[in-house]
Amino acid sequence: MEGKLDAVLLLGHGSRVSAANLPLGEVAGMLSAAMGGVRVMPAFLQLAEPSLGAALEELYEGGARKVSIMPFFLFPGAHVLEDIPEELEKARQKHPDFELIMSSHIGAHPKLAEIALERIKESLS
């Protein structure tokens, strides 16, 4: 990975069903381990806490100045194309020294097809 990040914000949609939000934290832990212990914080766009804005503020107050925001979304809908960039711009306006880098969403990827195939095979056994 080029450049050092202070943290990664793994951003999910969020659900009113609290148990549905737990896997994002699990993935954040796996990602942190894969990145050599870089802080990976789960956050949610809506319906769950912490919100994107609250998580960014927590990271900033904790000293993070270079943060990658990874939208954990399959599709490039309004959230990915409009809502998230708007929230990031608000944070940049509030803290001009806050470098926020939005990665691509998950999208269609061959590894997702591999996972789907694995789950289908599991259901047959």
C-alpha atoms as a PDB file:
ATOM      1  CA  MET A   1       0.000   0.000   0.000  1.00  0.00           C
ATOM      2  CA  GLU A   2       1.355   3.350  -1.004  1.00  0.00           C
ATOM      3  CA  GLY A   3       1.452   6.056   1.656  1.00  0.00           C
ATOM      4  CA  LYS A   4       0.785   5.594   5.325  1.00  0.00           C
ATOM      5  CA  LEU A   5      -2.768   5.752   6.578  1.00  0.00           C
ATOM      6  CA  ASP A   6      -3.672   6.691  10.123  1.00  0.00           C
ATOM      7  CA  ALA A   7      -6.932   4.767   9.898  1.00  0.00           C
ATOM      8  CA  VAL A   8      -9.526   3.190   7.651  1.00  0.00           C
ATOM      9  CA  LEU A   9     -13.236   3.780   7.998  1.00  0.00           C
ATOM     10  CA  LEU A  10     -15.200   0.753   6.800  1.00  0.00           C
ATOM     11  CA  LEU A  11     -18.593   2.192   5.930  1.00  0.00           C
ATOM     12  CA  GLY A  12     -21.720   0.066   5.780  1.00  0.00           C
ATOM     13  CA  HIS A  13     -25.316   1.021   5.154  1.00  0.00           C
ATOM     14  CA  GLY A  14     -26.628   0.186   8.608  1.00  0.00           C
ATOM     15  CA  SER A  15     -29.732  -1.649   9.760  1.00  0.00           C
ATOM     16  CA  ARG A  16     -32.362  -1.219  12.468  1.00  0.00           C
ATOM     17  CA  VAL A  17     -31.628  -4.868  13.337  1.00  0.00           C
ATOM     18  CA  SER A  18     -28.563  -4.540  15.542  1.00  0.00           C
ATOM     19  CA  ALA A  19     -27.356  -8.090  14.856  1.00  0.00           C
ATOM     20  CA  ALA A  20     -27.220  -7.252  11.155  1.00  0.00           C
ATOM     21  CA  ASN A  21     -24.598  -4.586  11.889  1.00  0.00           C
ATOM     22  CA  LEU A  22     -22.194  -6.921  13.703  1.00  0.00           C
ATOM     23  CA  PRO A  23     -20.522  -8.507  10.631  1.00  0.00           C
ATOM     24  CA  LEU A  24     -19.131  -5.112   9.579  1.00  0.00           C
ATOM     25  CA  GLY A  25     -17.142  -5.040  12.813  1.00  0.00           C
ATOM     26  CA  GLU A  26     -15.901  -8.560  12.113  1.00  0.00           C
ATOM     27  CA  VAL A  27     -14.749  -7.559   8.633  1.00  0.00           C
ATOM     28  CA  ALA A  28     -13.098  -4.453  10.108  1.00  0.00           C
ATOM     29  CA  GLY A  29     -11.100  -6.694  12.452  1.00  0.00           C
ATOM     30  CA  MET A  30     -10.019  -8.948   9.582  1.00  0.00           C
ATOM     31  CA  LEU A  31      -9.030  -5.940   7.499  1.00  0.00           C
ATOM     32  CA  SER A  32      -7.034  -4.446  10.365  1.00  0.00           C
ATOM     33  CA  ALA A  33      -5.126  -7.723  10.787  1.00  0.00           C
ATOM     34  CA  ALA A  34      -4.453  -7.883   7.034  1.00  0.00           C
ATOM     35  CA  MET A  35      -3.140  -4.301   7.151  1.00  0.00           C
ATOM     36  CA  GLY A  36      -0.675  -4.971   9.948  1.00  0.00           C
ATOM     37  CA  GLY A  37      -2.773  -3.500  12.727  1.00  0.00           C
ATOM     38  CA  VAL A  38      -3.880  -0.238  11.102  1.00  0.00           C
ATOM     39  CA  ARG A  39      -6.986   0.979  12.924  1.00  0.00           C
ATOM     40  CA  VAL A  40     -10.075  -0.001  10.943  1.00  0.00           C
ATOM     41  CA  MET A  41     -13.248   1.507  12.342  1.00  0.00           C
ATOM     42  CA  PRO A  42     -16.706   0.358  11.274  1.00  0.00           C
ATOM     43  CA  ALA A  43     -19.335   3.069  10.747  1.00  0.00           C
ATOM     44  CA  PHE A  44     -22.756   3.328   9.184  1.00  0.00           C
ATOM     45  CA  LEU A  45     -24.405   5.660   6.743  1.00  0.00           C
ATOM     46  CA  GLN A  46     -27.786   5.381   8.445  1.00  0.00           C
ATOM     47  CA  LEU A  47     -29.920   3.424  10.915  1.00  0.00           C
ATOM     48  CA  ALA A  48     -26.973   2.482  13.176  1.00  0.00           C
ATOM     49  CA  GLU A  49     -24.129   4.042  15.129  1.00  0.00           C
ATOM     50  CA  PRO A  50     -21.548   5.330  14.820  1.00  0.00           C
ATOM     51  CA  SER A  51     -22.616   7.491  11.921  1.00  0.00           C
ATOM     52  CA  LEU A  52     -20.136   8.501   9.250  1.00  0.00           C
ATOM     53  CA  GLY A  53     -19.860  12.025  10.638  1.00  0.00           C
ATOM     54  CA  ALA A  54     -19.432  10.854  14.243  1.00  0.00           C
ATOM     55  CA  ALA A  55     -16.807   8.285  13.263  1.00  0.00           C
ATOM     56  CA  LEU A  56     -14.822  10.835  11.264  1.00  0.00           C
ATOM     57  CA  GLU A  57     -14.920  13.245  14.187  1.00  0.00           C
ATOM     58  CA  GLU A  58     -13.751  10.512  16.582  1.00  0.00           C
ATOM     59  CA  LEU A  59     -10.847   9.636  14.294  1.00  0.00           C
ATOM     60  CA  TYR A  60      -9.872  13.300  13.907  1.00  0.00           C
ATOM     61  CA  GLU A  61     -10.048  13.951  17.651  1.00  0.00           C
ATOM     62  CA  GLY A  62      -7.900  10.847  18.145  1.00  0.00           C
ATOM     63  CA  GLY A  63      -5.167  12.320  15.957  1.00  0.00           C
ATOM     64  CA  ALA A  64      -5.896  10.692  12.601  1.00  0.00           C
ATOM     65  CA  ARG A  65      -5.150  13.017   9.708  1.00  0.00           C
ATOM     66  CA  LYS A  66      -5.052  10.603   6.755  1.00  0.00           C
ATOM     67  CA  VAL A  67      -8.032   8.275   6.550  1.00  0.00           C
ATOM     68  CA  SER A  68      -9.271   5.966   3.816  1.00  0.00           C
ATOM     69  CA  ILE A  69     -13.043   5.582   3.637  1.00  0.00           C
ATOM     70  CA  MET A  70     -14.063   2.256   2.128  1.00  0.00           C
ATOM     71  CA  PRO A  71     -17.750   2.106   1.160  1.00  0.00           C
ATOM     72  CA  PHE A  72     -18.736  -1.491   1.879  1.00  0.00           C
ATOM     73  CA  PHE A  73     -21.452  -1.347  -0.784  1.00  0.00           C
ATOM     74  CA  LEU A  74     -22.024  -3.556  -3.804  1.00  0.00           C
ATOM     75  CA  PHE A  75     -23.655  -0.943  -5.998  1.00  0.00           C
ATOM     76  CA  PRO A  76     -22.703   2.609  -6.987  1.00  0.00           C
ATOM     77  CA  GLY A  77     -26.074   4.101  -6.052  1.00  0.00           C
ATOM     78  CA  ALA A  78     -26.911   7.490  -4.546  1.00  0.00           C
ATOM     79  CA  HIS A  79     -25.166   6.692  -1.258  1.00  0.00           C
ATOM     80  CA  VAL A  80     -21.836   5.986  -2.964  1.00  0.00           C
ATOM     81  CA  LEU A  81     -22.111   8.657  -5.631  1.00  0.00           C
ATOM     82  CA  GLU A  82     -23.651  11.498  -3.625  1.00  0.00           C
ATOM     83  CA  ASP A  83     -24.251  10.988   0.101  1.00  0.00           C
ATOM     84  CA  ILE A  84     -20.805   9.775   1.136  1.00  0.00           C
ATOM     85  CA  PRO A  85     -18.867  12.393  -0.886  1.00  0.00           C
ATOM     86  CA  GLU A  86     -21.096  15.126   0.602  1.00  0.00           C
ATOM     87  CA  GLU A  87     -20.361  13.971   4.156  1.00  0.00           C
ATOM     88  CA  LEU A  88     -16.637  13.808   3.431  1.00  0.00           C
ATOM     89  CA  GLU A  89     -16.715  17.339   2.051  1.00  0.00           C
ATOM     90  CA  LYS A  90     -18.407  18.573   5.247  1.00  0.00           C
ATOM     91  CA  ALA A  91     -15.618  16.988   7.307  1.00  0.00           C
ATOM     92  CA  ARG A  92     -12.955  18.552   5.071  1.00  0.00           C
ATOM     93  CA  GLN A  93     -14.574  21.974   5.441  1.00  0.00           C
ATOM     94  CA  LYS A  94     -14.583  21.594   9.226  1.00  0.00           C
ATOM     95  CA  HIS A  95     -10.999  20.279   9.376  1.00  0.00           C
ATOM     96  CA  PRO A  96      -8.911  21.469   6.383  1.00  0.00           C
ATOM     97  CA  ASP A  97      -5.951  19.331   7.510  1.00  0.00           C
ATOM     98  CA  PHE A  98      -8.050  16.139   7.376  1.00  0.00           C
ATOM     99  CA  GLU A  99      -7.032  14.063   4.335  1.00  0.00           C
ATOM    100  CA  LEU A 100      -9.979  11.842   3.469  1.00  0.00           C
ATOM    101  CA  ILE A 101      -9.506   9.359   0.642  1.00  0.00           C
ATOM    102  CA  MET A 102     -12.570   7.507  -0.604  1.00  0.00           C
ATOM    103  CA  SER A 103     -11.832   4.137  -2.138  1.00  0.00           C
ATOM    104  CA  SER A 104     -14.049   2.413  -4.660  1.00  0.00           C
ATOM    105  CA  HIS A 105     -17.070   0.490  -3.427  1.00  0.00           C
ATOM    106  CA  ILE A 106     -16.929  -3.313  -3.599  1.00  0.00           C
ATOM    107  CA  GLY A 107     -18.803  -3.614  -6.900  1.00  0.00           C
ATOM    108  CA  ALA A 108     -18.848  -6.686  -9.091  1.00  0.00           C
ATOM    109  CA  HIS A 109     -15.670  -8.619  -8.444  1.00  0.00           C
ATOM    110  CA  PRO A 110     -14.599 -12.189  -9.315  1.00  0.00           C
ATOM    111  CA  LYS A 111     -13.925 -12.916  -5.634  1.00  0.00           C
ATOM    112  CA  LEU A 112     -17.591 -12.222  -4.876  1.00  0.00           C
ATOM    113  CA  ALA A 113     -18.585 -14.872  -7.402  1.00  0.00           C
ATOM    114  CA  GLU A 114     -16.176 -17.267  -5.652  1.00  0.00           C
ATOM    115  CA  ILE A 115     -17.816 -16.527  -2.310  1.00  0.00           C
ATOM    116  CA  ALA A 116     -21.302 -16.969  -3.804  1.00  0.00           C
ATOM    117  CA  LEU A 117     -20.274 -20.330  -5.274  1.00  0.00           C
ATOM    118  CA  GLU A 118     -18.855 -21.387  -1.898  1.00  0.00           C
ATOM    119  CA  ARG A 119     -22.118 -20.495  -0.143  1.00  0.00           C
ATOM    120  CA  ILE A 120     -24.180 -22.330  -2.794  1.00  0.00           C
ATOM    121  CA  LYS A 121     -22.036 -25.456  -2.368  1.00  0.00           C
ATOM    122  CA  GLU A 122     -22.392 -25.198   1.427  1.00  0.00           C
ATOM    123  CA  SER A 123     -26.181 -25.135   1.091  1.00  0.00           C
ATOM    124  CA  LEU A 124     -26.097 -28.391  -0.872  1.00  0.00           C
ATOM    125  CA  SER A 125     -24.173 -30.366   1.737  1.00  0.00           C
END
